[in-house]
Amino acid sequence: MNFTAPYLITDGELSLHLHPDHLADLRASGLTDDTIRAAGVYSLPPRFIEHFFKSAPAEVESALCFPYQDPSFARIKIFPPLGKMKYAQPPGTSARLYMPFPVRPGAVSVCEGEKKTLAASQAGLNAVGIGGIWNWLSKGTAIDDLHRIDCNEREAVIIPDSDVWDRPDLLRAVYALGRELRDRGASVLVAQIPQESGTKVGLDDFLVAGGTVADLETFSLSSRLFRAAAWWHGRWKFKKALEAA
């Protein structure tokens, strides 16, 4: 199936292509009409929801579609969510890199999730996205899409959600991604989104609340914040090497 947006970027009536709940959700992330149009985001007709499940759950009422560069692939945000499951992709497909706009020369930002990637692009960053903090891997191996970014002598800034700093398991994923990019030639930094009252904050939330990209503090992989993750990473790589032998 071709998941390309069923409208032109110049189409002025987004309400014709977006369910009111979906448009409100995009607005909550601070996304403008121009950004939504340029990314080709649209409400998936209900009859196509079944393409994202082996058996479409009756609880899913609607779906917001984020097309990828490969027109045969997309991810959807489901309404309402199925427990902790908020997004879906066609069964049997692996993780992909979300590249809504051409990657320009210079520093590249890696964001967690489609809406945050669009918010970063809207804020002027050269942004690409992964569906989740571990979604740069597929069956334990870095996804092929990472080859689409020339990391050699390029700065790469990973911008995870704010809760990773309190979650050793998530910080390991951030560090492992950073090491993968560094091994490909990038100079890697990790941005820290401020978090208050223990509530998780994503980049889109941060920007909507009035924060700016310039406000984000960044850390190199050699920071003491990654000391435990670095120790884990060495053991993880050793184990993977043994399994591959």
Protein backbone atom coordinates (compact mmCIF):
# COMPACT_ATOMS: atom_id res chain seq x y z
CA MET A 1 0.00 0.00 0.00
CA ASN A 2 1.13 3.55 -0.72
CA PHE A 3 0.90 5.72 2.41
CA THR A 4 1.78 9.03 0.74
CA ALA A 5 -0.42 11.92 1.87
CA PRO A 6 -3.65 12.18 -0.17
CA TYR A 7 -3.31 15.94 -0.56
CA LEU A 8 -0.92 18.53 -1.94
CA ILE A 9 1.33 20.62 0.30
CA THR A 10 -0.44 23.72 -1.03
CA ASP A 11 -3.87 22.41 0.02
CA GLY A 12 -5.23 25.01 2.44
CA GLU A 13 -7.94 22.98 4.18
CA LEU A 14 -6.16 20.68 6.61
CA SER A 15 -9.48 20.00 8.32
CA LEU A 16 -10.50 18.06 5.19
CA HIS A 17 -7.68 15.57 5.79
CA LEU A 18 -7.39 15.54 9.58
CA HIS A 19 -9.83 14.29 12.19
CA PRO A 20 -10.49 17.04 14.79
CA ASP A 21 -8.84 14.93 17.51
CA HIS A 22 -5.79 14.41 15.33
CA LEU A 23 -5.46 18.08 14.47
CA ALA A 24 -5.77 18.96 18.16
CA ASP A 25 -3.05 16.43 18.99
CA LEU A 26 -0.68 17.97 16.44
CA ARG A 27 -1.51 21.45 17.68
CA ALA A 28 -0.70 20.33 21.25
CA SER A 29 2.83 19.61 20.00
CA GLY A 30 3.02 23.14 18.62
CA LEU A 31 3.01 22.09 14.98
CA THR A 32 1.90 24.68 12.45
CA ASP A 33 -0.21 24.16 9.34
CA ASP A 34 2.88 24.59 7.17
CA THR A 35 4.80 21.90 9.06
CA ILE A 36 1.86 19.48 9.00
CA ARG A 37 1.36 20.00 5.27
CA ALA A 38 5.05 19.68 4.43
CA ALA A 39 5.31 16.42 6.40
CA GLY A 40 2.19 15.05 4.71
CA VAL A 41 0.54 13.98 7.96
CA TYR A 42 -3.10 12.93 7.59
CA SER A 43 -5.93 10.95 9.17
CA LEU A 44 -5.89 7.40 7.86
CA PRO A 45 -9.25 6.25 6.47
CA PRO A 46 -10.68 3.65 8.90
CA ARG A 47 -10.69 0.91 6.25
CA PHE A 48 -6.88 1.08 6.06
CA ILE A 49 -6.20 0.68 9.79
CA GLU A 50 -6.16 -3.10 9.31
CA HIS A 51 -2.87 -2.74 7.39
CA PHE A 52 -1.15 -1.96 10.69
CA PHE A 53 -2.32 -5.00 12.64
CA LYS A 54 -2.48 -8.73 12.08
CA SER A 55 -6.00 -8.38 13.39
CA ALA A 56 -7.30 -4.84 13.77
CA PRO A 57 -8.49 -4.23 17.37
CA ALA A 58 -12.09 -3.09 17.61
CA GLU A 59 -11.04 -0.54 20.25
CA VAL A 60 -9.11 1.55 17.71
CA GLU A 61 -11.46 4.29 16.54
CA SER A 62 -9.10 6.32 14.33
CA ALA A 63 -5.46 6.69 13.33
CA LEU A 64 -3.13 9.58 12.51
CA CYS A 65 -0.68 8.63 9.75
CA PHE A 66 2.95 9.74 9.51
CA PRO A 67 4.26 8.79 6.04
CA TYR A 68 7.95 7.94 5.68
CA GLN A 69 10.24 8.51 2.70
CA ASP A 70 9.51 4.96 1.57
CA PRO A 71 5.87 5.31 0.43
CA SER A 72 5.17 1.69 1.35
CA PHE A 73 5.92 2.37 5.03
CA ALA A 74 4.28 4.57 7.64
CA ARG A 75 3.59 4.67 11.35
CA ILE A 76 0.26 5.58 12.86
CA LYS A 77 -0.76 7.06 16.18
CA ILE A 78 -3.85 5.20 17.33
CA PHE A 79 -6.86 6.75 19.04
CA PRO A 80 -7.51 5.72 21.74
CA PRO A 81 -4.23 4.05 22.70
CA LEU A 82 -4.26 0.32 23.42
CA GLY A 83 -2.94 0.38 26.95
CA LYS A 84 0.69 1.47 26.66
CA MET A 85 0.62 1.04 22.89
CA LYS A 86 0.23 4.43 21.19
CA TYR A 87 1.77 3.79 17.77
CA ALA A 88 1.72 0.98 15.22
CA GLN A 89 3.42 0.06 11.95
CA PRO A 90 2.71 -2.63 9.36
CA PRO A 91 3.26 -6.15 10.75
CA GLY A 92 6.56 -7.74 9.82
CA THR A 93 8.33 -4.44 9.18
CA SER A 94 11.44 -3.35 11.05
CA ALA A 95 12.21 0.00 12.65
CA ARG A 96 12.87 2.85 10.23
CA LEU A 97 14.47 6.27 10.45
CA TYR A 98 11.95 9.11 10.17
CA MET A 99 13.29 11.69 7.71
CA PRO A 100 10.37 14.01 6.93
CA PHE A 101 12.63 16.56 5.23
CA PRO A 102 15.96 16.28 3.37
CA VAL A 103 18.96 16.13 5.70
CA ARG A 104 21.07 19.24 5.19
CA PRO A 105 24.84 19.55 5.67
CA GLY A 106 25.96 20.33 9.22
CA ALA A 107 24.86 19.12 12.63
CA VAL A 108 22.00 16.63 12.74
CA SER A 109 19.58 16.11 15.63
CA VAL A 110 18.13 12.69 16.46
CA CYS A 111 14.73 12.90 18.14
CA GLU A 112 12.45 10.33 19.74
CA GLY A 113 9.14 10.15 17.87
CA GLU A 114 7.61 11.71 14.78
CA LYS A 115 5.93 14.71 16.39
CA LYS A 116 9.09 15.66 18.26
CA THR A 117 11.09 15.35 15.05
CA LEU A 118 8.67 17.70 13.31
CA ALA A 119 8.79 20.11 16.26
CA ALA A 120 12.59 20.08 16.07
CA SER A 121 12.53 20.73 12.32
CA GLN A 122 10.06 23.56 12.84
CA ALA A 123 12.46 25.06 15.40
CA GLY A 124 15.21 25.08 12.77
CA LEU A 125 17.05 21.87 13.60
CA ASN A 126 18.29 19.44 10.98
CA ALA A 127 16.23 16.63 12.47
CA VAL A 128 15.63 12.92 11.95
CA GLY A 129 13.65 10.63 14.22
CA ILE A 130 13.46 7.16 15.69
CA GLY A 131 10.18 5.63 16.81
CA GLY A 132 11.49 4.87 20.29
CA ILE A 133 14.75 5.09 22.16
CA TRP A 134 15.72 1.54 21.13
CA ASN A 135 14.24 1.80 17.64
CA TRP A 136 17.56 2.36 15.91
CA LEU A 137 18.05 -1.38 16.30
CA SER A 138 16.29 -4.27 14.57
CA LYS A 139 16.98 -7.79 15.84
CA GLY A 140 20.01 -6.46 17.67
CA THR A 141 21.57 -4.80 14.62
CA ALA A 142 21.63 -1.12 13.64
CA ILE A 143 18.92 -0.40 11.07
CA ASP A 144 19.98 0.10 7.45
CA ASP A 145 18.46 3.59 7.39
CA LEU A 146 21.34 4.88 9.54
CA HIS A 147 23.50 4.55 6.43
CA ARG A 148 21.43 7.34 4.89
CA ILE A 149 23.14 9.84 7.18
CA ASP A 150 26.78 10.62 6.47
CA CYS A 151 28.11 10.78 10.03
CA ASN A 152 31.75 11.34 9.11
CA GLU A 153 33.04 14.53 10.78
CA ARG A 154 29.49 15.61 11.56
CA GLU A 155 28.03 16.67 14.90
CA ALA A 156 25.10 14.53 16.00
CA VAL A 157 22.91 15.67 18.89
CA ILE A 158 20.61 13.09 20.45
CA ILE A 159 17.54 14.67 22.08
CA PRO A 160 15.78 12.07 24.24
CA ASP A 161 12.78 12.62 26.50
CA SER A 162 13.55 14.06 29.92
CA ASP A 163 12.94 10.81 31.83
CA VAL A 164 16.02 9.02 30.46
CA TRP A 165 18.23 10.65 33.09
CA ASP A 166 16.29 8.86 35.84
CA ARG A 167 16.05 5.55 33.96
CA PRO A 168 19.32 3.61 33.65
CA ASP A 169 17.75 1.26 31.09
CA LEU A 170 16.83 4.17 28.81
CA LEU A 171 20.15 5.93 29.32
CA ARG A 172 21.88 2.77 28.11
CA ALA A 173 19.92 2.99 24.87
CA VAL A 174 20.91 6.64 24.44
CA TYR A 175 24.55 5.85 25.09
CA ALA A 176 24.51 2.84 22.75
CA LEU A 177 23.02 4.97 19.96
CA GLY A 178 25.64 7.63 20.64
CA ARG A 179 28.42 5.08 20.38
CA GLU A 180 26.97 3.73 17.13
CA LEU A 181 26.97 7.23 15.64
CA ARG A 182 30.46 7.93 16.99
CA ASP A 183 31.76 4.70 15.48
CA ARG A 184 30.44 6.00 12.15
CA GLY A 185 32.51 9.17 12.50
CA ALA A 186 30.17 11.59 14.27
CA SER A 187 30.97 13.90 17.16
CA VAL A 188 28.13 13.05 19.54
CA LEU A 189 26.35 15.17 22.14
CA VAL A 190 23.25 14.37 24.17
CA ALA A 191 20.82 17.18 25.02
CA GLN A 192 19.09 17.28 28.39
CA ILE A 193 15.49 18.49 28.52
CA PRO A 194 14.66 19.99 31.93
CA GLN A 195 12.15 18.00 33.97
CA GLU A 196 10.05 19.27 36.86
CA SER A 197 7.93 17.36 39.36
CA GLY A 198 8.92 14.02 37.86
CA THR A 199 6.72 14.56 34.78
CA LYS A 200 8.22 13.34 31.51
CA VAL A 201 8.84 16.15 29.05
CA GLY A 202 9.45 15.65 25.34
CA LEU A 203 11.09 18.17 23.03
CA ASP A 204 7.71 19.24 21.67
CA ASP A 205 6.38 19.85 25.21
CA PHE A 206 9.50 21.83 26.05
CA LEU A 207 9.19 24.06 23.00
CA VAL A 208 5.44 24.59 23.49
CA ALA A 209 6.14 25.71 27.08
CA GLY A 210 8.40 28.46 25.78
CA GLY A 211 11.76 26.73 25.86
CA THR A 212 14.23 27.12 23.03
CA VAL A 213 16.82 24.83 21.52
CA ALA A 214 19.50 27.19 22.81
CA ASP A 215 18.29 26.51 26.37
CA LEU A 216 19.20 22.82 26.18
CA GLU A 217 22.36 21.73 27.97
CA THR A 218 24.41 19.11 26.13
CA PHE A 219 26.84 16.46 27.33
CA SER A 220 29.46 14.40 25.54
CA LEU A 221 29.55 10.62 25.86
CA SER A 222 32.58 10.97 28.14
CA SER A 223 30.48 12.79 30.76
CA ARG A 224 30.26 11.15 34.19
CA LEU A 225 26.51 10.97 33.58
CA PHE A 226 27.21 8.07 31.22
CA ARG A 227 29.73 6.25 33.41
CA ALA A 228 27.39 3.37 34.31
CA ALA A 229 26.01 3.20 30.76
CA ALA A 230 29.55 3.03 29.36
CA TRP A 231 30.40 0.10 31.65
CA TRP A 232 27.22 -1.68 30.57
CA HIS A 233 27.93 -0.95 26.91
CA GLY A 234 31.29 -2.70 27.03
CA ARG A 235 29.68 -5.86 28.39
CA TRP A 236 26.80 -5.60 25.90
CA LYS A 237 29.14 -5.34 22.91
CA PHE A 238 31.25 -8.23 24.21
CA LYS A 239 28.16 -10.41 24.56
CA LYS A 240 27.01 -9.51 21.04
CA ALA A 241 30.44 -10.37 19.66
CA LEU A 242 30.34 -13.78 21.35
CA GLU A 243 26.87 -14.46 19.96
CA ALA A 244 28.03 -13.55 16.45
CA ALA A 245 31.15 -15.74 16.63
